[in-house]
C-alpha atoms as a PDB file:
ATOM      1  CA  UNK A   1      13.252  -4.208  24.138  1.00  0.00           C
ATOM      2  CA  UNK A   2      11.152  -1.108  25.414  1.00  0.00           C
ATOM      3  CA  UNK A   3      14.496   0.972  25.247  1.00  0.00           C
ATOM      4  CA  UNK A   4      15.064  -0.112  21.677  1.00  0.00           C
ATOM      5  CA  UNK A   5      11.620   0.625  20.466  1.00  0.00           C
ATOM      6  CA  UNK A   6      11.885   4.082  22.112  1.00  0.00           C
ATOM      7  CA  UNK A   7      15.150   4.636  20.428  1.00  0.00           C
ATOM      8  CA  UNK A   8      13.723   3.700  17.076  1.00  0.00           C
ATOM      9  CA  UNK A   9      10.680   6.005  17.527  1.00  0.00           C
ATOM     10  CA  UNK A  10      13.162   8.765  18.372  1.00  0.00           C
ATOM     11  CA  UNK A  11      15.093   8.182  15.147  1.00  0.00           C
ATOM     12  CA  UNK A  12      12.018   8.444  13.200  1.00  0.00           C
ATOM     13  CA  UNK A  13      10.397  11.451  14.720  1.00  0.00           C
ATOM     14  CA  UNK A  14      13.478  13.630  15.025  1.00  0.00           C
ATOM     15  CA  UNK A  15      13.945  13.590  11.255  1.00  0.00           C
ATOM     16  CA  UNK A  16      11.694  15.436   8.661  1.00  0.00           C
ATOM     17  CA  UNK A  17      11.324  12.480   6.295  1.00  0.00           C
ATOM     18  CA  UNK A  18       8.204  10.681   7.970  1.00  0.00           C
ATOM     19  CA  UNK A  19       6.061  13.883   7.490  1.00  0.00           C
ATOM     20  CA  UNK A  20       7.517  14.798   4.278  1.00  0.00           C
ATOM     21  CA  UNK A  21       6.319  11.509   2.855  1.00  0.00           C
ATOM     22  CA  UNK A  22       3.193  11.358   4.710  1.00  0.00           C
ATOM     23  CA  UNK A  23       1.973  14.736   3.261  1.00  0.00           C
ATOM     24  CA  UNK A  24       1.931  13.673  -0.400  1.00  0.00           C
ATOM     25  CA  UNK A  25       0.414  10.394   0.581  1.00  0.00           C
ATOM     26  CA  UNK A  26      -2.461  11.964   2.411  1.00  0.00           C
ATOM     27  CA  UNK A  27      -3.052  14.523  -0.440  1.00  0.00           C
ATOM     28  CA  UNK A  28      -3.167  11.730  -3.093  1.00  0.00           C
ATOM     29  CA  UNK A  29      -5.528  10.089  -1.173  1.00  0.00           C
ATOM     30  CA  UNK A  30      -8.015  13.003  -0.791  1.00  0.00           C
ATOM     31  CA  UNK A  31      -7.556  14.052  -4.267  1.00  0.00           C
ATOM     32  CA  UNK A  32      -8.245  10.641  -5.829  1.00  0.00           C
ATOM     33  CA  UNK A  33     -11.426  10.161  -3.447  1.00  0.00           C
ATOM     34  CA  UNK A  34     -12.546  13.880  -4.028  1.00  0.00           C
ATOM     35  CA  UNK A  35     -12.171  13.607  -7.874  1.00  0.00           C
ATOM     36  CA  UNK A  36     -14.129  10.359  -7.865  1.00  0.00           C
ATOM     37  CA  UNK A  37     -16.808  11.627  -5.616  1.00  0.00           C
ATOM     38  CA  UNK A  38     -17.390  14.655  -7.776  1.00  0.00           C
ATOM     39  CA  UNK A  39     -17.321  12.542 -10.855  1.00  0.00           C
ATOM     40  CA  UNK A  40     -20.149  10.239  -9.594  1.00  0.00           C
ATOM     41  CA  UNK A  41     -22.387  13.254  -8.805  1.00  0.00           C
ATOM     42  CA  UNK A  42     -22.504  14.575 -12.224  1.00  0.00           C
ATOM     43  CA  UNK A  43     -25.972  15.237 -13.610  1.00  0.00           C
ATOM     44  CA  UNK A  44     -25.704  12.899 -16.685  1.00  0.00           C
ATOM     45  CA  UNK A  45     -24.374   9.999 -14.494  1.00  0.00           C
ATOM     46  CA  UNK A  46     -27.401  10.459 -12.118  1.00  0.00           C
ATOM     47  CA  UNK A  47     -29.827  10.188 -14.789  1.00  0.00           C
ATOM     48  CA  UNK A  48     -28.171   7.314 -16.535  1.00  0.00           C
ATOM     49  CA  UNK A  49     -27.947   4.950 -13.253  1.00  0.00           C
ATOM     50  CA  UNK A  50     -30.802   6.418 -11.253  1.00  0.00           C
ATOM     51  CA  UNK A  51     -28.896   8.045  -8.559  1.00  0.00           C
ATOM     52  CA  UNK A  52     -25.405   8.923  -7.297  1.00  0.00           C
ATOM     53  CA  UNK A  53     -22.760   6.731  -8.647  1.00  0.00           C
ATOM     54  CA  UNK A  54     -20.474   5.769  -5.665  1.00  0.00           C
ATOM     55  CA  UNK A  55     -17.108   6.364  -7.627  1.00  0.00           C
ATOM     56  CA  UNK A  56     -15.586   7.555  -4.285  1.00  0.00           C
ATOM     57  CA  UNK A  57     -15.071   3.824  -3.543  1.00  0.00           C
ATOM     58  CA  UNK A  58     -12.974   2.586  -6.312  1.00  0.00           C
ATOM     59  CA  UNK A  59     -11.196   6.105  -6.411  1.00  0.00           C
ATOM     60  CA  UNK A  60     -10.248   5.559  -2.698  1.00  0.00           C
ATOM     61  CA  UNK A  61      -8.838   2.201  -3.574  1.00  0.00           C
ATOM     62  CA  UNK A  62      -6.693   3.624  -6.423  1.00  0.00           C
ATOM     63  CA  UNK A  63      -5.564   6.410  -4.206  1.00  0.00           C
ATOM     64  CA  UNK A  64      -4.490   4.323  -1.330  1.00  0.00           C
ATOM     65  CA  UNK A  65      -2.484   2.058  -3.850  1.00  0.00           C
ATOM     66  CA  UNK A  66      -0.645   5.150  -5.037  1.00  0.00           C
ATOM     67  CA  UNK A  67      -0.031   6.424  -1.434  1.00  0.00           C
ATOM     68  CA  UNK A  68       1.465   3.250  -0.378  1.00  0.00           C
ATOM     69  CA  UNK A  69       4.391   4.052  -2.337  1.00  0.00           C
ATOM     70  CA  UNK A  70       5.311   6.447   0.209  1.00  0.00           C
ATOM     71  CA  UNK A  71       5.065   3.999   3.177  1.00  0.00           C
ATOM     72  CA  UNK A  72       7.346   1.688   1.065  1.00  0.00           C
ATOM     73  CA  UNK A  73       9.938   4.362   0.654  1.00  0.00           C
ATOM     74  CA  UNK A  74       9.874   5.258   4.468  1.00  0.00           C
ATOM     75  CA  UNK A  75      10.202   1.632   5.244  1.00  0.00           C
ATOM     76  CA  UNK A  76      13.242   1.287   2.948  1.00  0.00           C
ATOM     77  CA  UNK A  77      15.192   3.783   5.089  1.00  0.00           C
ATOM     78  CA  UNK A  78      14.808   1.908   8.299  1.00  0.00           C
ATOM     79  CA  UNK A  79      17.982  -0.034   8.035  1.00  0.00           C
ATOM     80  CA  UNK A  80      19.674   1.681   5.207  1.00  0.00           C
ATOM     81  CA  UNK A  81      19.552   5.109   6.602  1.00  0.00           C
ATOM     82  CA  UNK A  82      21.491   3.996   9.571  1.00  0.00           C
ATOM     83  CA  UNK A  83      24.077   2.216   7.382  1.00  0.00           C
ATOM     84  CA  UNK A  84      24.522   5.448   5.202  1.00  0.00           C
ATOM     85  CA  UNK A  85      24.873   7.613   8.257  1.00  0.00           C
ATOM     86  CA  UNK A  86      27.117   4.913  10.051  1.00  0.00           C
ATOM     87  CA  UNK A  87      24.867   4.715  13.002  1.00  0.00           C
ATOM     88  CA  UNK A  88      23.817   1.074  12.624  1.00  0.00           C
ATOM     89  CA  UNK A  89      27.068  -0.026  14.544  1.00  0.00           C
ATOM     90  CA  UNK A  90      26.006   2.004  17.619  1.00  0.00           C
ATOM     91  CA  UNK A  91      22.432   0.551  17.326  1.00  0.00           C
ATOM     92  CA  UNK A  92      23.672  -2.983  17.003  1.00  0.00           C
ATOM     93  CA  UNK A  93      26.092  -2.614  20.083  1.00  0.00           C
ATOM     94  CA  UNK A  94      23.150  -1.037  22.340  1.00  0.00           C
ATOM     95  CA  UNK A  95      20.893  -3.925  21.603  1.00  0.00           C
ATOM     96  CA  UNK A  96      21.095  -7.371  23.096  1.00  0.00           C
ATOM     97  CA  UNK A  97      21.361  -8.830  19.608  1.00  0.00           C
ATOM     98  CA  UNK A  98      21.058  -7.596  16.048  1.00  0.00           C
ATOM     99  CA  UNK A  99      17.717  -9.645  15.845  1.00  0.00           C
ATOM    100  CA  UNK A 100      16.372  -7.567  18.784  1.00  0.00           C
ATOM    101  CA  UNK A 101      17.274  -4.197  16.943  1.00  0.00           C
ATOM    102  CA  UNK A 102      15.779  -5.429  13.617  1.00  0.00           C
ATOM    103  CA  UNK A 103      12.644  -6.639  15.565  1.00  0.00           C
ATOM    104  CA  UNK A 104      12.215  -3.114  17.345  1.00  0.00           C
ATOM    105  CA  UNK A 105      12.482  -1.540  13.723  1.00  0.00           C
ATOM    106  CA  UNK A 106       9.589  -3.922  12.312  1.00  0.00           C
ATOM    107  CA  UNK A 107       7.467  -2.987  15.351  1.00  0.00           C
ATOM    108  CA  UNK A 108       8.034   0.619  15.100  1.00  0.00           C
ATOM    109  CA  UNK A 109       7.643   0.919  11.156  1.00  0.00           C
ATOM    110  CA  UNK A 110       4.505  -1.349  11.390  1.00  0.00           C
ATOM    111  CA  UNK A 111       2.790   1.202  13.491  1.00  0.00           C
ATOM    112  CA  UNK A 112       4.097   4.089  11.522  1.00  0.00           C
ATOM    113  CA  UNK A 113       2.619   2.252   8.414  1.00  0.00           C
ATOM    114  CA  UNK A 114      -0.632   2.093  10.395  1.00  0.00           C
ATOM    115  CA  UNK A 115      -0.518   5.936  11.185  1.00  0.00           C
ATOM    116  CA  UNK A 116       0.134   6.660   7.423  1.00  0.00           C
ATOM    117  CA  UNK A 117      -2.935   4.372   6.518  1.00  0.00           C
ATOM    118  CA  UNK A 118      -5.232   6.010   9.021  1.00  0.00           C
ATOM    119  CA  UNK A 119      -4.226   9.365   8.074  1.00  0.00           C
ATOM    120  CA  UNK A 120      -4.852   8.514   4.261  1.00  0.00           C
ATOM    121  CA  UNK A 121      -8.166   7.031   5.080  1.00  0.00           C
ATOM    122  CA  UNK A 122      -9.229  10.105   7.110  1.00  0.00           C
ATOM    123  CA  UNK A 123      -7.897  12.435   4.163  1.00  0.00           C
ATOM    124  CA  UNK A 124     -10.022  10.266   1.662  1.00  0.00           C
ATOM    125  CA  UNK A 125     -13.081  10.471   3.993  1.00  0.00           C
ATOM    126  CA  UNK A 126     -12.787  14.292   3.785  1.00  0.00           C
ATOM    127  CA  UNK A 127     -12.617  14.067   0.025  1.00  0.00           C
ATOM    128  CA  UNK A 128     -15.695  12.064  -0.182  1.00  0.00           C
ATOM    129  CA  UNK A 129     -17.454  14.467   2.085  1.00  0.00           C
ATOM    130  CA  UNK A 130     -16.158  17.552   0.210  1.00  0.00           C
ATOM    131  CA  UNK A 131     -17.466  15.683  -3.015  1.00  0.00           C
ATOM    132  CA  UNK A 132     -20.864  15.105  -1.459  1.00  0.00           C
ATOM    133  CA  UNK A 133     -20.591  11.359  -2.284  1.00  0.00           C
ATOM    134  CA  UNK A 134     -19.638   9.493   1.072  1.00  0.00           C
ATOM    135  CA  UNK A 135     -20.934   5.790   0.819  1.00  0.00           C
ATOM    136  CA  UNK A 136     -22.363   3.905   3.642  1.00  0.00           C
ATOM    137  CA  UNK A 137     -20.186   3.597   6.727  1.00  0.00           C
ATOM    138  CA  UNK A 138     -19.859  -0.166   7.041  1.00  0.00           C
ATOM    139  CA  UNK A 139     -18.432  -0.325   3.234  1.00  0.00           C
ATOM    140  CA  UNK A 140     -16.355   2.584   3.588  1.00  0.00           C
ATOM    141  CA  UNK A 141     -14.660   1.519   6.713  1.00  0.00           C
ATOM    142  CA  UNK A 142     -14.262  -2.093   5.304  1.00  0.00           C
ATOM    143  CA  UNK A 143     -12.278  -0.730   2.513  1.00  0.00           C
ATOM    144  CA  UNK A 144     -10.485   1.667   4.818  1.00  0.00           C
ATOM    145  CA  UNK A 145      -9.447  -1.228   7.137  1.00  0.00           C
ATOM    146  CA  UNK A 146      -7.888  -3.007   4.199  1.00  0.00           C
ATOM    147  CA  UNK A 147      -6.301   0.031   2.953  1.00  0.00           C
ATOM    148  CA  UNK A 148      -4.459   0.544   6.419  1.00  0.00           C
ATOM    149  CA  UNK A 149      -3.475  -3.236   6.244  1.00  0.00           C
ATOM    150  CA  UNK A 150      -2.051  -2.681   2.854  1.00  0.00           C
ATOM    151  CA  UNK A 151      -0.070   0.331   4.005  1.00  0.00           C
ATOM    152  CA  UNK A 152       1.415  -1.504   6.867  1.00  0.00           C
ATOM    153  CA  UNK A 153       2.456  -4.320   4.731  1.00  0.00           C
ATOM    154  CA  UNK A 154       4.034  -2.175   2.223  1.00  0.00           C
ATOM    155  CA  UNK A 155       6.038  -0.247   4.995  1.00  0.00           C
ATOM    156  CA  UNK A 156       7.238  -3.438   6.426  1.00  0.00           C
ATOM    157  CA  UNK A 157       8.133  -4.703   2.745  1.00  0.00           C
ATOM    158  CA  UNK A 158      10.551  -1.693   2.584  1.00  0.00           C
ATOM    159  CA  UNK A 159      12.144  -2.489   5.772  1.00  0.00           C
ATOM    160  CA  UNK A 160      12.582  -6.065   4.578  1.00  0.00           C
ATOM    161  CA  UNK A 161      14.080  -4.871   1.227  1.00  0.00           C
ATOM    162  CA  UNK A 162      16.193  -2.275   2.931  1.00  0.00           C
ATOM    163  CA  UNK A 163      17.748  -4.835   5.253  1.00  0.00           C
ATOM    164  CA  UNK A 164      18.252  -7.201   2.271  1.00  0.00           C
ATOM    165  CA  UNK A 165      19.869  -4.652   0.059  1.00  0.00           C
ATOM    166  CA  UNK A 166      21.805  -2.479   2.592  1.00  0.00           C
ATOM    167  CA  UNK A 167      22.022   0.488   0.236  1.00  0.00           C
ATOM    168  CA  UNK A 168      19.735   3.539   0.538  1.00  0.00           C
ATOM    169  CA  UNK A 169      19.752   4.851  -2.880  1.00  0.00           C
ATOM    170  CA  UNK A 170      19.758   1.268  -4.274  1.00  0.00           C
ATOM    171  CA  UNK A 171      16.850   0.304  -2.027  1.00  0.00           C
ATOM    172  CA  UNK A 172      14.850   3.368  -2.780  1.00  0.00           C
ATOM    173  CA  UNK A 173      15.329   3.554  -6.543  1.00  0.00           C
ATOM    174  CA  UNK A 174      15.137  -0.274  -6.989  1.00  0.00           C
ATOM    175  CA  UNK A 175      11.692  -0.475  -5.183  1.00  0.00           C
ATOM    176  CA  UNK A 176      10.356   2.379  -7.257  1.00  0.00           C
ATOM    177  CA  UNK A 177      11.519   1.070 -10.581  1.00  0.00           C
ATOM    178  CA  UNK A 178      10.384  -2.373  -9.816  1.00  0.00           C
ATOM    179  CA  UNK A 179       6.853  -1.193  -8.681  1.00  0.00           C
ATOM    180  CA  UNK A 180       6.404   1.273 -11.539  1.00  0.00           C
ATOM    181  CA  UNK A 181       8.338  -0.270 -14.472  1.00  0.00           C
ATOM    182  CA  UNK A 182       9.806  -3.634 -13.980  1.00  0.00           C
ATOM    183  CA  UNK A 183       6.723  -5.623 -12.885  1.00  0.00           C
ATOM    184  CA  UNK A 184       4.295  -3.989 -15.252  1.00  0.00           C
ATOM    185  CA  UNK A 185       6.474  -5.029 -18.041  1.00  0.00           C
ATOM    186  CA  UNK A 186       6.638  -8.555 -16.691  1.00  0.00           C
ATOM    187  CA  UNK A 187       2.915  -8.564 -16.410  1.00  0.00           C
ATOM    188  CA  UNK A 188       2.412  -7.390 -19.995  1.00  0.00           C
ATOM    189  CA  UNK A 189       4.933  -9.895 -21.420  1.00  0.00           C
ATOM    190  CA  UNK A 190       3.154 -12.879 -19.416  1.00  0.00           C
ATOM    191  CA  UNK A 191      -0.335 -11.666 -20.608  1.00  0.00           C
ATOM    192  CA  UNK A 192       0.884 -11.453 -24.227  1.00  0.00           C
ATOM    193  CA  UNK A 193       2.099 -14.908 -24.078  1.00  0.00           C
ATOM    194  CA  UNK A 194      -1.324 -16.330 -22.777  1.00  0.00           C
ATOM    195  CA  UNK A 195       0.202 -16.557 -19.211  1.00  0.00           C
ATOM    196  CA  UNK A 196      -2.243 -14.084 -17.650  1.00  0.00           C
ATOM    197  CA  UNK A 197      -2.870 -16.450 -14.615  1.00  0.00           C
ATOM    198  CA  UNK A 198       0.710 -15.682 -13.238  1.00  0.00           C
ATOM    199  CA  UNK A 199       0.699 -11.766 -12.738  1.00  0.00           C
ATOM    200  CA  UNK A 200      -1.889 -11.765  -9.956  1.00  0.00           C
ATOM    201  CA  UNK A 201       0.583 -13.680  -7.916  1.00  0.00           C
ATOM    202  CA  UNK A 202       3.451 -11.163  -8.538  1.00  0.00           C
ATOM    203  CA  UNK A 203       4.489  -8.914  -5.490  1.00  0.00           C
ATOM    204  CA  UNK A 204       3.042  -5.523  -6.733  1.00  0.00           C
ATOM    205  CA  UNK A 205      -0.003  -6.878  -8.352  1.00  0.00           C
ATOM    206  CA  UNK A 206      -1.070  -8.929  -5.416  1.00  0.00           C
ATOM    207  CA  UNK A 207      -0.589  -5.901  -3.188  1.00  0.00           C
ATOM    208  CA  UNK A 208      -2.692  -3.611  -5.355  1.00  0.00           C
ATOM    209  CA  UNK A 209      -5.363  -6.154  -6.060  1.00  0.00           C
ATOM    210  CA  UNK A 210      -6.145  -6.852  -2.294  1.00  0.00           C
ATOM    211  CA  UNK A 211      -7.440  -3.088  -2.151  1.00  0.00           C
ATOM    212  CA  UNK A 212      -8.614  -2.604  -5.752  1.00  0.00           C
ATOM    213  CA  UNK A 213     -10.652  -5.810  -6.025  1.00  0.00           C
ATOM    214  CA  UNK A 214     -12.417  -5.112  -2.848  1.00  0.00           C
ATOM    215  CA  UNK A 215     -13.265  -1.611  -4.048  1.00  0.00           C
ATOM    216  CA  UNK A 216     -14.890  -2.949  -7.205  1.00  0.00           C
ATOM    217  CA  UNK A 217     -17.004  -5.441  -5.167  1.00  0.00           C
ATOM    218  CA  UNK A 218     -18.201  -2.624  -2.853  1.00  0.00           C
ATOM    219  CA  UNK A 219     -18.663  -0.359  -5.850  1.00  0.00           C
ATOM    220  CA  UNK A 220     -21.049  -2.504  -7.665  1.00  0.00           C
ATOM    221  CA  UNK A 221     -22.918  -3.602  -4.435  1.00  0.00           C
ATOM    222  CA  UNK A 222     -23.484   0.152  -3.915  1.00  0.00           C
ATOM    223  CA  UNK A 223     -24.804   0.859  -7.587  1.00  0.00           C
ATOM    224  CA  UNK A 224     -28.376   2.442  -7.193  1.00  0.00           C
ATOM    225  CA  UNK A 225     -31.471   0.981  -8.789  1.00  0.00           C
ATOM    226  CA  UNK A 226     -31.519  -1.386 -11.663  1.00  0.00           C
ATOM    227  CA  UNK A 227     -27.591  -0.898 -12.141  1.00  0.00           C
ATOM    228  CA  UNK A 228     -26.971  -3.011  -8.958  1.00  0.00           C
ATOM    229  CA  UNK A 229     -24.684  -6.020  -9.602  1.00  0.00           C
ATOM    230  CA  UNK A 230     -24.471  -5.595 -13.422  1.00  0.00           C
ATOM    231  CA  UNK A 231     -22.327  -8.678 -13.980  1.00  0.00           C
ATOM    232  CA  UNK A 232     -21.541  -7.762 -17.604  1.00  0.00           C
ATOM    233  CA  UNK A 233     -20.203  -4.194 -16.501  1.00  0.00           C
ATOM    234  CA  UNK A 234     -18.393  -5.888 -13.692  1.00  0.00           C
ATOM    235  CA  UNK A 235     -16.517  -8.331 -15.828  1.00  0.00           C
ATOM    236  CA  UNK A 236     -15.732  -5.646 -18.395  1.00  0.00           C
ATOM    237  CA  UNK A 237     -14.312  -3.471 -15.888  1.00  0.00           C
ATOM    238  CA  UNK A 238     -12.231  -6.187 -14.322  1.00  0.00           C
ATOM    239  CA  UNK A 239     -10.837  -7.094 -17.842  1.00  0.00           C
ATOM    240  CA  UNK A 240     -10.073  -3.433 -18.510  1.00  0.00           C
ATOM    241  CA  UNK A 241      -8.116  -3.311 -15.342  1.00  0.00           C
ATOM    242  CA  UNK A 242      -6.225  -6.619 -16.180  1.00  0.00           C
ATOM    243  CA  UNK A 243      -7.888  -8.448 -13.329  1.00  0.00           C
ATOM    244  CA  UNK A 244      -9.549 -11.146 -15.041  1.00  0.00           C
ATOM    245  CA  UNK A 245      -7.603 -13.823 -13.444  1.00  0.00           C
ATOM    246  CA  UNK A 246      -7.177 -12.108  -9.967  1.00  0.00           C
ATOM    247  CA  UNK A 247      -8.333 -14.219  -7.174  1.00  0.00           C
ATOM    248  CA  UNK A 248     -10.612 -12.711  -4.431  1.00  0.00           C
ATOM    249  CA  UNK A 249      -9.250  -9.679  -2.610  1.00  0.00           C
ATOM    250  CA  UNK A 250      -8.528 -11.614   0.603  1.00  0.00           C
ATOM    251  CA  UNK A 251      -6.581 -14.108  -1.400  1.00  0.00           C
ATOM    252  CA  UNK A 252      -4.381 -11.284  -2.953  1.00  0.00           C
ATOM    253  CA  UNK A 253      -3.979 -10.031   0.585  1.00  0.00           C
ATOM    254  CA  UNK A 254      -2.616 -13.405   1.654  1.00  0.00           C
ATOM    255  CA  UNK A 255      -0.414 -13.615  -1.314  1.00  0.00           C
ATOM    256  CA  UNK A 256       0.990 -10.174  -0.728  1.00  0.00           C
ATOM    257  CA  UNK A 257       1.589 -10.929   3.029  1.00  0.00           C
ATOM    258  CA  UNK A 258       3.388 -14.019   2.071  1.00  0.00           C
ATOM    259  CA  UNK A 259       5.685 -11.923  -0.158  1.00  0.00           C
ATOM    260  CA  UNK A 260       6.256  -9.287   2.574  1.00  0.00           C
ATOM    261  CA  UNK A 261       7.115 -11.979   5.138  1.00  0.00           C
ATOM    262  CA  UNK A 262       9.405 -14.029   2.767  1.00  0.00           C
ATOM    263  CA  UNK A 263      11.278 -10.713   1.913  1.00  0.00           C
ATOM    264  CA  UNK A 264      11.343  -9.641   5.396  1.00  0.00           C
ATOM    265  CA  UNK A 265      12.867 -12.874   6.662  1.00  0.00           C
ATOM    266  CA  UNK A 266      15.487 -12.911   3.862  1.00  0.00           C
ATOM    267  CA  UNK A 267      16.357  -9.339   4.772  1.00  0.00           C
ATOM    268  CA  UNK A 268      16.558 -10.305   8.578  1.00  0.00           C
ATOM    269  CA  UNK A 269      18.996 -13.226   7.810  1.00  0.00           C
ATOM    270  CA  UNK A 270      21.359 -11.064   5.599  1.00  0.00           C
ATOM    271  CA  UNK A 271      21.262  -8.010   8.027  1.00  0.00           C
ATOM    272  CA  UNK A 272      22.231 -10.276  10.932  1.00  0.00           C
ATOM    273  CA  UNK A 273      25.436 -11.244   9.209  1.00  0.00           C
ATOM    274  CA  UNK A 274      26.365  -8.247   7.324  1.00  0.00           C
ATOM    275  CA  UNK A 275      29.937  -6.774   7.842  1.00  0.00           C
ATOM    276  CA  UNK A 276      29.070  -3.187   9.086  1.00  0.00           C
ATOM    277  CA  UNK A 277      32.771  -2.324   9.860  1.00  0.00           C
END
């Protein structure tokens, strides 16, 4: 297994794709947080709420959600890239079983997803520092930890979908279209038919809510002075973000993990039996 893991790392780091996707993910994380931090320090907002508005927190949450798309795309190439370049046969032949090769890929891409998450967290922290609006360390690193876990799970989800589909273009385009177009349409239709309780349990929504919901909780906990825990504003903001029926952030995390595991198992079963000749 150690040799398979080393081989998988070599496959990743001898190509440019991993850092070509990491750079925009890191830039997005910094840009979102920097912008939120600057907005929270505007003079009018300072006077209105009686202190600095900790907008860096929800901005970081949104930034990591967008950045996770790049981890998803990278994961989608784990199996499909080898199928496309016809190296998957050699990989399977050098491993004791196909399952061992797939397990090595899951391990390697989970660690790379963690690297993506940590880099995005560090860049977001720099954005908050540059915007002179860094929240307290405990809350910030709690959100950062959730962001790293989210990035890992998105990356592994990409591996599972790639193993399931088997086509690189189909996997990449399909994932992007589903995340940006298909699920938002499904969610809008459900909410329009008074079925708003269902969207929080969909794949993309649950994955985004695990970070967004936590960021909102921490944001309102850090509001200065009399604005602390303004329940009316909290509920209005959740309604604006279509999160009225969303469960607590950790429940959303469990739902998203369940989705990732289910798709990963389906991809595992299909890839073990796929004809690669």
